[in-house]
Amino acid sequence: MNIQKAVKKATERGACIARPAHPDIKIKPTNTEQNCIVMMSDGYHPSKRGWQPSADELMCCEWIVVD
């Protein structure tokens, strides 16, 4: 699905978004000062806050919602 739909579903469920092409990484979208938090798929080791996606990432239609 596109990123807008994935983020909407994820925020409703308190979940994360991910791309199957990158199974080790998930992103927690928030409306806090941390913005979007990138972390390992196991939920540990947040690697960075304030994720800045590329144009290709924003246009991709392969986003999924994960816990």
PDB file of N, CA and C in Angstrom:
ATOM      1  N   MET A   1       0.850  -1.179   0.000  1.00  0.00           N
ATOM      2  CA  MET A   1       0.000   0.000   0.000  1.00  0.00           C
ATOM      3  C   MET A   1       0.892   1.238   0.000  1.00  0.00           C
ATOM      4  N   ASN A   2       0.324   2.368  -0.308  1.00  0.00           N
ATOM      5  CA  ASN A   2       1.135   3.592  -0.298  1.00  0.00           C
ATOM      6  C   ASN A   2       1.388   4.014   1.146  1.00  0.00           C
ATOM      7  N   ILE A   3       2.356   4.881   1.321  1.00  0.00           N
ATOM      8  CA  ILE A   3       2.794   5.255   2.664  1.00  0.00           C
ATOM      9  C   ILE A   3       1.708   5.983   3.455  1.00  0.00           C
ATOM     10  N   GLN A   4       0.882   6.767   2.794  1.00  0.00           N
ATOM     11  CA  GLN A   4      -0.174   7.484   3.507  1.00  0.00           C
ATOM     12  C   GLN A   4      -1.159   6.504   4.141  1.00  0.00           C
ATOM     13  N   LYS A   5      -1.585   5.523   3.376  1.00  0.00           N
ATOM     14  CA  LYS A   5      -2.520   4.528   3.896  1.00  0.00           C
ATOM     15  C   LYS A   5      -1.861   3.703   5.005  1.00  0.00           C
ATOM     16  N   ALA A   6      -0.604   3.319   4.816  1.00  0.00           N
ATOM     17  CA  ALA A   6       0.110   2.525   5.819  1.00  0.00           C
ATOM     18  C   ALA A   6       0.265   3.298   7.129  1.00  0.00           C
ATOM     19  N   VAL A   7       0.631   4.565   7.044  1.00  0.00           N
ATOM     20  CA  VAL A   7       0.798   5.379   8.248  1.00  0.00           C
ATOM     21  C   VAL A   7      -0.538   5.559   8.964  1.00  0.00           C
ATOM     22  N   LYS A   8      -1.595   5.775   8.223  1.00  0.00           N
ATOM     23  CA  LYS A   8      -2.915   5.937   8.847  1.00  0.00           C
ATOM     24  C   LYS A   8      -3.295   4.681   9.620  1.00  0.00           C
ATOM     25  N   LYS A   9      -3.147   3.519   8.998  1.00  0.00           N
ATOM     26  CA  LYS A   9      -3.479   2.268   9.671  1.00  0.00           C
ATOM     27  C   LYS A   9      -2.565   2.025  10.869  1.00  0.00           C
ATOM     28  N   ALA A  10      -1.277   2.294  10.704  1.00  0.00           N
ATOM     29  CA  ALA A  10      -0.322   2.066  11.790  1.00  0.00           C
ATOM     30  C   ALA A  10      -0.625   2.951  12.993  1.00  0.00           C
ATOM     31  N   THR A  11      -0.919   4.222  12.774  1.00  0.00           N
ATOM     32  CA  THR A  11      -1.192   5.106  13.901  1.00  0.00           C
ATOM     33  C   THR A  11      -2.504   4.739  14.596  1.00  0.00           C
ATOM     34  N   GLU A  12      -3.476   4.252  13.860  1.00  0.00           N
ATOM     35  CA  GLU A  12      -4.730   3.810  14.473  1.00  0.00           C
ATOM     36  C   GLU A  12      -4.495   2.606  15.387  1.00  0.00           C
ATOM     37  N   ARG A  13      -3.547   1.745  15.017  1.00  0.00           N
ATOM     38  CA  ARG A  13      -3.263   0.521  15.770  1.00  0.00           C
ATOM     39  C   ARG A  13      -2.092   0.658  16.736  1.00  0.00           C
ATOM     40  N   GLY A  14      -1.393   1.777  16.694  1.00  0.00           N
ATOM     41  CA  GLY A  14      -0.188   1.921  17.509  1.00  0.00           C
ATOM     42  C   GLY A  14       0.926   1.023  17.005  1.00  0.00           C
ATOM     43  N   ALA A  15       0.944   0.784  15.701  1.00  0.00           N
ATOM     44  CA  ALA A  15       1.891  -0.133  15.084  1.00  0.00           C
ATOM     45  C   ALA A  15       2.971   0.625  14.314  1.00  0.00           C
ATOM     46  N   CYS A  16       3.741  -0.106  13.533  1.00  0.00           N
ATOM     47  CA  CYS A  16       4.819   0.451  12.721  1.00  0.00           C
ATOM     48  C   CYS A  16       4.560   0.155  11.245  1.00  0.00           C
ATOM     49  N   ILE A  17       5.375   0.761  10.398  1.00  0.00           N
ATOM     50  CA  ILE A  17       5.332   0.461   8.969  1.00  0.00           C
ATOM     51  C   ILE A  17       6.686  -0.114   8.561  1.00  0.00           C
ATOM     52  N   ALA A  18       6.673  -0.857   7.470  1.00  0.00           N
ATOM     53  CA  ALA A  18       7.906  -1.457   6.966  1.00  0.00           C
ATOM     54  C   ALA A  18       7.747  -1.743   5.478  1.00  0.00           C
ATOM     55  N   ARG A  19       8.870  -2.062   4.854  1.00  0.00           N
ATOM     56  CA  ARG A  19       8.870  -2.491   3.454  1.00  0.00           C
ATOM     57  C   ARG A  19       9.440  -3.898   3.405  1.00  0.00           C
ATOM     58  N   PRO A  20       8.798  -4.807   2.698  1.00  0.00           N
ATOM     59  CA  PRO A  20       9.311  -6.173   2.593  1.00  0.00           C
ATOM     60  C   PRO A  20      10.749  -6.237   2.067  1.00  0.00           C
ATOM     61  N   ALA A  21      11.158  -5.273   1.283  1.00  0.00           N
ATOM     62  CA  ALA A  21      12.526  -5.252   0.758  1.00  0.00           C
ATOM     63  C   ALA A  21      13.561  -5.010   1.855  1.00  0.00           C
ATOM     64  N   HIS A  22      13.111  -4.515   3.012  1.00  0.00           N
ATOM     65  CA  HIS A  22      14.003  -4.227   4.149  1.00  0.00           C
ATOM     66  C   HIS A  22      13.409  -4.842   5.421  1.00  0.00           C
ATOM     67  N   PRO A  23      13.411  -6.180   5.534  1.00  0.00           N
ATOM     68  CA  PRO A  23      12.702  -6.854   6.638  1.00  0.00           C
ATOM     69  C   PRO A  23      13.291  -6.619   8.025  1.00  0.00           C
ATOM     70  N   ASP A  24      14.513  -6.127   8.122  1.00  0.00           N
ATOM     71  CA  ASP A  24      15.140  -5.924   9.431  1.00  0.00           C
ATOM     72  C   ASP A  24      14.835  -4.562  10.045  1.00  0.00           C
ATOM     73  N   ILE A  25      14.090  -3.725   9.325  1.00  0.00           N
ATOM     74  CA  ILE A  25      13.845  -2.346   9.778  1.00  0.00           C
ATOM     75  C   ILE A  25      12.350  -2.059   9.788  1.00  0.00           C
ATOM     76  N   LYS A  26      11.917  -1.348  10.831  1.00  0.00           N
ATOM     77  CA  LYS A  26      10.537  -0.847  10.857  1.00  0.00           C
ATOM     78  C   LYS A  26      10.566   0.589  11.349  1.00  0.00           C
ATOM     79  N   ILE A  27       9.494   1.313  11.048  1.00  0.00           N
ATOM     80  CA  ILE A  27       9.409   2.739  11.366  1.00  0.00           C
ATOM     81  C   ILE A  27       8.132   2.994  12.155  1.00  0.00           C
ATOM     82  N   LYS A  28       8.291   3.636  13.304  1.00  0.00           N
ATOM     83  CA  LYS A  28       7.151   3.988  14.150  1.00  0.00           C
ATOM     84  C   LYS A  28       6.774   5.439  13.866  1.00  0.00           C
ATOM     85  N   PRO A  29       5.656   5.688  13.143  1.00  0.00           N
ATOM     86  CA  PRO A  29       5.242   7.066  12.890  1.00  0.00           C
ATOM     87  C   PRO A  29       4.580   7.656  14.141  1.00  0.00           C
ATOM     88  N   THR A  30       5.000   8.855  14.525  1.00  0.00           N
ATOM     89  CA  THR A  30       4.401   9.513  15.696  1.00  0.00           C
ATOM     90  C   THR A  30       4.152  10.983  15.383  1.00  0.00           C
ATOM     91  N   ASN A  31       3.393  11.610  16.232  1.00  0.00           N
ATOM     92  CA  ASN A  31       3.187  13.060  16.174  1.00  0.00           C
ATOM     93  C   ASN A  31       3.900  13.731  17.334  1.00  0.00           C
ATOM     94  N   THR A  32       4.925  13.081  17.849  1.00  0.00           N
ATOM     95  CA  THR A  32       5.702  13.635  18.955  1.00  0.00           C
ATOM     96  C   THR A  32       6.914  14.367  18.397  1.00  0.00           C
ATOM     97  N   GLU A  33       7.722  14.922  19.276  1.00  0.00           N
ATOM     98  CA  GLU A  33       8.941  15.609  18.832  1.00  0.00           C
ATOM     99  C   GLU A  33       9.946  14.639  18.204  1.00  0.00           C
ATOM    100  N   GLN A  34       9.741  13.336  18.415  1.00  0.00           N
ATOM    101  CA  GLN A  34      10.623  12.333  17.812  1.00  0.00           C
ATOM    102  C   GLN A  34      10.267  12.045  16.353  1.00  0.00           C
ATOM    103  N   ASN A  35       9.114  12.496  15.915  1.00  0.00           N
ATOM    104  CA  ASN A  35       8.625  12.270  14.555  1.00  0.00           C
ATOM    105  C   ASN A  35       8.532  10.785  14.263  1.00  0.00           C
ATOM    106  N   CYS A  36       9.211  10.295  13.239  1.00  0.00           N
ATOM    107  CA  CYS A  36       9.200   8.866  12.911  1.00  0.00           C
ATOM    108  C   CYS A  36      10.481   8.228  13.436  1.00  0.00           C
ATOM    109  N   ILE A  37      10.329   7.118  14.141  1.00  0.00           N
ATOM    110  CA  ILE A  37      11.467   6.461  14.769  1.00  0.00           C
ATOM    111  C   ILE A  37      11.818   5.198  13.994  1.00  0.00           C
ATOM    112  N   VAL A  38      13.032   5.122  13.499  1.00  0.00           N
ATOM    113  CA  VAL A  38      13.518   3.956  12.780  1.00  0.00           C
ATOM    114  C   VAL A  38      14.132   2.999  13.792  1.00  0.00           C
ATOM    115  N   MET A  39      13.754   1.723  13.717  1.00  0.00           N
ATOM    116  CA  MET A  39      14.291   0.737  14.652  1.00  0.00           C
ATOM    117  C   MET A  39      14.450  -0.617  13.973  1.00  0.00           C
ATOM    118  N   MET A  40      15.137  -1.500  14.657  1.00  0.00           N
ATOM    119  CA  MET A  40      15.276  -2.865  14.165  1.00  0.00           C
ATOM    120  C   MET A  40      13.912  -3.545  14.246  1.00  0.00           C
ATOM    121  N   SER A  41      13.688  -4.560  13.443  1.00  0.00           N
ATOM    122  CA  SER A  41      12.387  -5.215  13.394  1.00  0.00           C
ATOM    123  C   SER A  41      11.973  -5.838  14.723  1.00  0.00           C
ATOM    124  N   ASP A  42      12.936  -6.124  15.616  1.00  0.00           N
ATOM    125  CA  ASP A  42      12.595  -6.675  16.926  1.00  0.00           C
ATOM    126  C   ASP A  42      12.116  -5.594  17.901  1.00  0.00           C
ATOM    127  N   GLY A  43      12.120  -4.331  17.459  1.00  0.00           N
ATOM    128  CA  GLY A  43      11.638  -3.229  18.287  1.00  0.00           C
ATOM    129  C   GLY A  43      12.692  -2.593  19.158  1.00  0.00           C
ATOM    130  N   TYR A  44      13.876  -3.138  19.154  1.00  0.00           N
ATOM    131  CA  TYR A  44      14.956  -2.603  19.970  1.00  0.00           C
ATOM    132  C   TYR A  44      15.914  -1.777  19.123  1.00  0.00           C
ATOM    133  N   HIS A  45      16.773  -1.083  19.816  1.00  0.00           N
ATOM    134  CA  HIS A  45      17.842  -0.324  19.199  1.00  0.00           C
ATOM    135  C   HIS A  45      17.341   0.717  18.190  1.00  0.00           C
ATOM    136  N   PRO A  46      16.511   1.657  18.660  1.00  0.00           N
ATOM    137  CA  PRO A  46      16.130   2.718  17.726  1.00  0.00           C
ATOM    138  C   PRO A  46      17.396   3.325  17.121  1.00  0.00           C
ATOM    139  N   SER A  47      17.444   3.356  15.810  1.00  0.00           N
ATOM    140  CA  SER A  47      18.674   3.814  15.174  1.00  0.00           C
ATOM    141  C   SER A  47      18.676   5.310  14.937  1.00  0.00           C
ATOM    142  N   LYS A  48      17.500   5.881  14.722  1.00  0.00           N
ATOM    143  CA  LYS A  48      17.468   7.337  14.590  1.00  0.00           C
ATOM    144  C   LYS A  48      16.051   7.840  14.719  1.00  0.00           C
ATOM    145  N   ARG A  49      15.956   9.076  15.162  1.00  0.00           N
ATOM    146  CA  ARG A  49      14.655   9.748  15.258  1.00  0.00           C
ATOM    147  C   ARG A  49      14.575  10.750  14.122  1.00  0.00           C
ATOM    148  N   GLY A  50      13.380  11.074  13.738  1.00  0.00           N
ATOM    149  CA  GLY A  50      13.193  12.084  12.706  1.00  0.00           C
ATOM    150  C   GLY A  50      13.574  11.587  11.325  1.00  0.00           C
ATOM    151  N   TRP A  51      13.166  10.379  11.008  1.00  0.00           N
ATOM    152  CA  TRP A  51      13.444   9.764   9.714  1.00  0.00           C
ATOM    153  C   TRP A  51      13.149  10.732   8.586  1.00  0.00           C
ATOM    154  N   GLN A  52      14.052  10.833   7.645  1.00  0.00           N
ATOM    155  CA  GLN A  52      13.891  11.694   6.477  1.00  0.00           C
ATOM    156  C   GLN A  52      13.883  10.821   5.234  1.00  0.00           C
ATOM    157  N   PRO A  53      12.696  10.463   4.752  1.00  0.00           N
ATOM    158  CA  PRO A  53      12.598   9.538   3.623  1.00  0.00           C
ATOM    159  C   PRO A  53      13.039  10.161   2.304  1.00  0.00           C
ATOM    160  N   SER A  54      13.475   9.291   1.429  1.00  0.00           N
ATOM    161  CA  SER A  54      13.811   9.723   0.066  1.00  0.00           C
ATOM    162  C   SER A  54      12.523   9.822  -0.751  1.00  0.00           C
ATOM    163  N   ALA A  55      12.612  10.414  -1.911  1.00  0.00           N
ATOM    164  CA  ALA A  55      11.453  10.500  -2.806  1.00  0.00           C
ATOM    165  C   ALA A  55      10.981   9.099  -3.185  1.00  0.00           C
ATOM    166  N   ASP A  56      11.921   8.190  -3.455  1.00  0.00           N
ATOM    167  CA  ASP A  56      11.549   6.815  -3.814  1.00  0.00           C
ATOM    168  C   ASP A  56      10.791   6.131  -2.678  1.00  0.00           C
ATOM    169  N   GLU A  57      11.213   6.364  -1.437  1.00  0.00           N
ATOM    170  CA  GLU A  57      10.512   5.766  -0.303  1.00  0.00           C
ATOM    171  C   GLU A  57       9.094   6.318  -0.177  1.00  0.00           C
ATOM    172  N   LEU A  58       8.925   7.588  -0.427  1.00  0.00           N
ATOM    173  CA  LEU A  58       7.598   8.190  -0.336  1.00  0.00           C
ATOM    174  C   LEU A  58       6.669   7.722  -1.452  1.00  0.00           C
ATOM    175  N   MET A  59       7.220   7.414  -2.606  1.00  0.00           N
ATOM    176  CA  MET A  59       6.410   6.994  -3.750  1.00  0.00           C
ATOM    177  C   MET A  59       6.151   5.490  -3.794  1.00  0.00           C
ATOM    178  N   CYS A  60       6.884   4.728  -3.013  1.00  0.00           N
ATOM    179  CA  CYS A  60       6.781   3.275  -3.027  1.00  0.00           C
ATOM    180  C   CYS A  60       5.379   2.827  -2.597  1.00  0.00           C
ATOM    181  N   CYS A  61       4.871   1.804  -3.229  1.00  0.00           N
ATOM    182  CA  CYS A  61       3.548   1.251  -2.876  1.00  0.00           C
ATOM    183  C   CYS A  61       3.678  -0.116  -2.219  1.00  0.00           C
ATOM    184  N   GLU A  62       4.806  -0.380  -1.598  1.00  0.00           N
ATOM    185  CA  GLU A  62       5.065  -1.680  -0.961  1.00  0.00           C
ATOM    186  C   GLU A  62       5.056  -1.603   0.563  1.00  0.00           C
ATOM    187  N   TRP A  63       4.509  -0.544   1.150  1.00  0.00           N
ATOM    188  CA  TRP A  63       4.510  -0.401   2.599  1.00  0.00           C
ATOM    189  C   TRP A  63       3.508  -1.352   3.225  1.00  0.00           C
ATOM    190  N   ILE A  64       3.871  -1.913   4.360  1.00  0.00           N
ATOM    191  CA  ILE A  64       2.975  -2.782   5.122  1.00  0.00           C
ATOM    192  C   ILE A  64       2.951  -2.298   6.577  1.00  0.00           C
ATOM    193  N   VAL A  65       1.928  -2.707   7.299  1.00  0.00           N
ATOM    194  CA  VAL A  65       1.805  -2.388   8.722  1.00  0.00           C
ATOM    195  C   VAL A  65       2.297  -3.601   9.505  1.00  0.00           C
ATOM    196  N   VAL A  66       3.181  -3.361  10.472  1.00  0.00           N
ATOM    197  CA  VAL A  66       3.721  -4.432  11.311  1.00  0.00           C
ATOM    198  C   VAL A  66       3.654  -4.024  12.773  1.00  0.00           C
ATOM    199  N   ASP A  67       3.688  -5.009  13.644  1.00  0.00           N
ATOM    200  CA  ASP A  67       3.690  -4.719  15.090  1.00  0.00           C
ATOM    201  C   ASP A  67       5.074  -4.435  15.600  1.00  0.00           C
TER     202      ASP A  67
END
